[in-house]
């Protein structure tokens, strides 16, 4: 759960310093990520043909895991594993890009 904002934060902050227009797109991307998360509805309401693609959203696994913990149901690993993969990919990509762009931060004003 901590890795998702850390990965997004490193990636988007490095992009926002390098490209000034990214800060306007960040609001849209974060809002779409929140609206696509299953907060009000369960992820099982999604059509079975699209569930894997839907579960690549890293927030789906987190929210479904909390829902299973609070309601006492079985943990939906089918939603958690793809979200874990996406989260690790996001964190590694964000850290590597941030590390690479760190040298340029001082030069950009």
C-alpha atoms as a PDB file:
ATOM      1  CA  UNK A   1       0.000   0.000   0.000  1.00  0.00           C
ATOM      2  CA  UNK A   2       2.919   2.344   0.640  1.00  0.00           C
ATOM      3  CA  UNK A   3       4.679   1.393  -2.586  1.00  0.00           C
ATOM      4  CA  UNK A   4       1.887   2.695  -4.833  1.00  0.00           C
ATOM      5  CA  UNK A   5       2.135   6.377  -3.848  1.00  0.00           C
ATOM      6  CA  UNK A   6       5.920   6.114  -3.536  1.00  0.00           C
ATOM      7  CA  UNK A   7       6.229   4.809  -7.099  1.00  0.00           C
ATOM      8  CA  UNK A   8       3.754   7.343  -8.481  1.00  0.00           C
ATOM      9  CA  UNK A   9       5.370  10.132  -6.501  1.00  0.00           C
ATOM     10  CA  UNK A  10       8.882   9.461  -7.744  1.00  0.00           C
ATOM     11  CA  UNK A  11       7.777   8.971 -11.334  1.00  0.00           C
ATOM     12  CA  UNK A  12       5.434  11.942 -11.532  1.00  0.00           C
ATOM     13  CA  UNK A  13       7.700  14.335  -9.630  1.00  0.00           C
ATOM     14  CA  UNK A  14      10.597  13.572 -11.955  1.00  0.00           C
ATOM     15  CA  UNK A  15       8.339  13.983 -14.957  1.00  0.00           C
ATOM     16  CA  UNK A  16       6.859  17.238 -13.600  1.00  0.00           C
ATOM     17  CA  UNK A  17      10.280  18.809 -13.182  1.00  0.00           C
ATOM     18  CA  UNK A  18      11.421  17.732 -16.618  1.00  0.00           C
ATOM     19  CA  UNK A  19       8.167  18.499 -18.447  1.00  0.00           C
ATOM     20  CA  UNK A  20       6.119  21.363 -17.018  1.00  0.00           C
ATOM     21  CA  UNK A  21       2.774  20.228 -18.494  1.00  0.00           C
ATOM     22  CA  UNK A  22       2.803  16.969 -16.544  1.00  0.00           C
ATOM     23  CA  UNK A  23       1.547  18.656 -13.381  1.00  0.00           C
ATOM     24  CA  UNK A  24      -1.743  19.416 -15.147  1.00  0.00           C
ATOM     25  CA  UNK A  25      -2.073  15.816 -16.349  1.00  0.00           C
ATOM     26  CA  UNK A  26      -1.282  14.424 -12.878  1.00  0.00           C
ATOM     27  CA  UNK A  27      -4.644  15.557 -11.523  1.00  0.00           C
ATOM     28  CA  UNK A  28      -6.437  13.754 -14.347  1.00  0.00           C
ATOM     29  CA  UNK A  29      -4.417  10.537 -13.967  1.00  0.00           C
ATOM     30  CA  UNK A  30      -4.889  10.375 -10.207  1.00  0.00           C
ATOM     31  CA  UNK A  31      -8.610  11.066 -10.516  1.00  0.00           C
ATOM     32  CA  UNK A  32      -9.032   8.322 -13.138  1.00  0.00           C
ATOM     33  CA  UNK A  33      -7.098   5.880 -10.939  1.00  0.00           C
ATOM     34  CA  UNK A  34      -9.412   6.648  -8.025  1.00  0.00           C
ATOM     35  CA  UNK A  35     -12.589   6.336 -10.094  1.00  0.00           C
ATOM     36  CA  UNK A  36     -11.481   3.020 -11.551  1.00  0.00           C
ATOM     37  CA  UNK A  37     -10.884   1.543  -8.069  1.00  0.00           C
ATOM     38  CA  UNK A  38     -13.653  -0.659  -6.613  1.00  0.00           C
ATOM     39  CA  UNK A  39     -14.571   1.467  -3.618  1.00  0.00           C
ATOM     40  CA  UNK A  40     -18.353   1.518  -3.970  1.00  0.00           C
ATOM     41  CA  UNK A  41     -18.699  -1.752  -5.889  1.00  0.00           C
ATOM     42  CA  UNK A  42     -16.964  -5.103  -5.591  1.00  0.00           C
ATOM     43  CA  UNK A  43     -14.427  -6.160  -8.197  1.00  0.00           C
ATOM     44  CA  UNK A  44     -16.476  -9.311  -8.784  1.00  0.00           C
ATOM     45  CA  UNK A  45     -19.063  -7.053 -10.468  1.00  0.00           C
ATOM     46  CA  UNK A  46     -16.650  -6.668 -13.390  1.00  0.00           C
ATOM     47  CA  UNK A  47     -17.200  -8.927 -16.401  1.00  0.00           C
ATOM     48  CA  UNK A  48     -14.975 -12.043 -16.052  1.00  0.00           C
ATOM     49  CA  UNK A  49     -13.351 -11.437 -19.439  1.00  0.00           C
ATOM     50  CA  UNK A  50     -11.982  -8.074 -18.234  1.00  0.00           C
ATOM     51  CA  UNK A  51     -11.112  -8.955 -14.629  1.00  0.00           C
ATOM     52  CA  UNK A  52      -7.425  -9.594 -15.247  1.00  0.00           C
ATOM     53  CA  UNK A  53      -6.945  -6.299 -17.062  1.00  0.00           C
ATOM     54  CA  UNK A  54      -8.958  -4.562 -14.341  1.00  0.00           C
ATOM     55  CA  UNK A  55      -6.904  -6.190 -11.583  1.00  0.00           C
ATOM     56  CA  UNK A  56      -3.715  -4.636 -13.010  1.00  0.00           C
ATOM     57  CA  UNK A  57      -4.870  -1.441 -11.290  1.00  0.00           C
ATOM     58  CA  UNK A  58      -2.776  -1.564  -8.102  1.00  0.00           C
ATOM     59  CA  UNK A  59      -5.593  -0.132  -5.964  1.00  0.00           C
ATOM     60  CA  UNK A  60      -7.917  -3.038  -6.778  1.00  0.00           C
ATOM     61  CA  UNK A  61      -5.850  -5.550  -4.808  1.00  0.00           C
ATOM     62  CA  UNK A  62      -5.450  -3.215  -1.847  1.00  0.00           C
ATOM     63  CA  UNK A  63      -9.149  -2.358  -1.610  1.00  0.00           C
ATOM     64  CA  UNK A  64     -10.293  -5.946  -2.149  1.00  0.00           C
ATOM     65  CA  UNK A  65      -7.792  -7.129   0.492  1.00  0.00           C
ATOM     66  CA  UNK A  66      -9.140  -4.637   3.032  1.00  0.00           C
ATOM     67  CA  UNK A  67     -12.703  -5.591   2.106  1.00  0.00           C
ATOM     68  CA  UNK A  68     -11.928  -9.279   2.666  1.00  0.00           C
ATOM     69  CA  UNK A  69     -10.265  -8.518   6.008  1.00  0.00           C
ATOM     70  CA  UNK A  70     -13.125  -6.403   7.293  1.00  0.00           C
ATOM     71  CA  UNK A  71     -15.942  -8.644   6.060  1.00  0.00           C
ATOM     72  CA  UNK A  72     -14.241 -11.912   7.001  1.00  0.00           C
ATOM     73  CA  UNK A  73     -14.349 -13.398   3.501  1.00  0.00           C
ATOM     74  CA  UNK A  74     -11.618 -15.229   1.635  1.00  0.00           C
ATOM     75  CA  UNK A  75      -8.752 -13.127   0.328  1.00  0.00           C
ATOM     76  CA  UNK A  76      -9.185 -12.632  -3.456  1.00  0.00           C
ATOM     77  CA  UNK A  77      -5.674 -13.556  -4.606  1.00  0.00           C
ATOM     78  CA  UNK A  78      -6.805 -13.363  -8.219  1.00  0.00           C
ATOM     79  CA  UNK A  79      -7.002  -9.573  -7.761  1.00  0.00           C
ATOM     80  CA  UNK A  80      -4.015  -9.176  -5.448  1.00  0.00           C
ATOM     81  CA  UNK A  81      -1.260 -10.909  -7.466  1.00  0.00           C
ATOM     82  CA  UNK A  82      -1.588  -8.771 -10.644  1.00  0.00           C
ATOM     83  CA  UNK A  83      -1.802  -5.654  -8.473  1.00  0.00           C
ATOM     84  CA  UNK A  84       1.390  -6.683  -6.668  1.00  0.00           C
ATOM     85  CA  UNK A  85       3.149  -7.125 -10.003  1.00  0.00           C
ATOM     86  CA  UNK A  86       1.979  -3.715 -11.199  1.00  0.00           C
ATOM     87  CA  UNK A  87       2.982  -2.100  -7.906  1.00  0.00           C
ATOM     88  CA  UNK A  88       6.510  -3.544  -7.999  1.00  0.00           C
ATOM     89  CA  UNK A  89       6.862  -2.534 -11.639  1.00  0.00           C
ATOM     90  CA  UNK A  90       5.657   0.992 -10.816  1.00  0.00           C
ATOM     91  CA  UNK A  91       7.990   1.311  -7.825  1.00  0.00           C
ATOM     92  CA  UNK A  92      11.068   0.066  -9.695  1.00  0.00           C
ATOM     93  CA  UNK A  93      10.323   2.182 -12.760  1.00  0.00           C
ATOM     94  CA  UNK A  94       9.690   5.275 -10.636  1.00  0.00           C
ATOM     95  CA  UNK A  95      12.857   4.787  -8.594  1.00  0.00           C
ATOM     96  CA  UNK A  96      15.047   4.168 -11.640  1.00  0.00           C
ATOM     97  CA  UNK A  97      13.644   7.135 -13.540  1.00  0.00           C
ATOM     98  CA  UNK A  98      13.916   9.398 -10.505  1.00  0.00           C
ATOM     99  CA  UNK A  99      17.503   8.285  -9.946  1.00  0.00           C
ATOM    100  CA  UNK A 100      18.383   8.924 -13.590  1.00  0.00           C
ATOM    101  CA  UNK A 101      16.740  12.351 -13.654  1.00  0.00           C
ATOM    102  CA  UNK A 102      18.133  13.403 -10.269  1.00  0.00           C
ATOM    103  CA  UNK A 103      21.255  14.816 -11.917  1.00  0.00           C
ATOM    104  CA  UNK A 104      19.121  17.071 -14.122  1.00  0.00           C
ATOM    105  CA  UNK A 105      16.959  18.503 -11.299  1.00  0.00           C
ATOM    106  CA  UNK A 106      19.490  21.144 -10.301  1.00  0.00           C
ATOM    107  CA  UNK A 107      19.898  22.382 -13.858  1.00  0.00           C
ATOM    108  CA  UNK A 108      16.168  22.827 -14.477  1.00  0.00           C
ATOM    109  CA  UNK A 109      14.705  26.017 -13.057  1.00  0.00           C
END
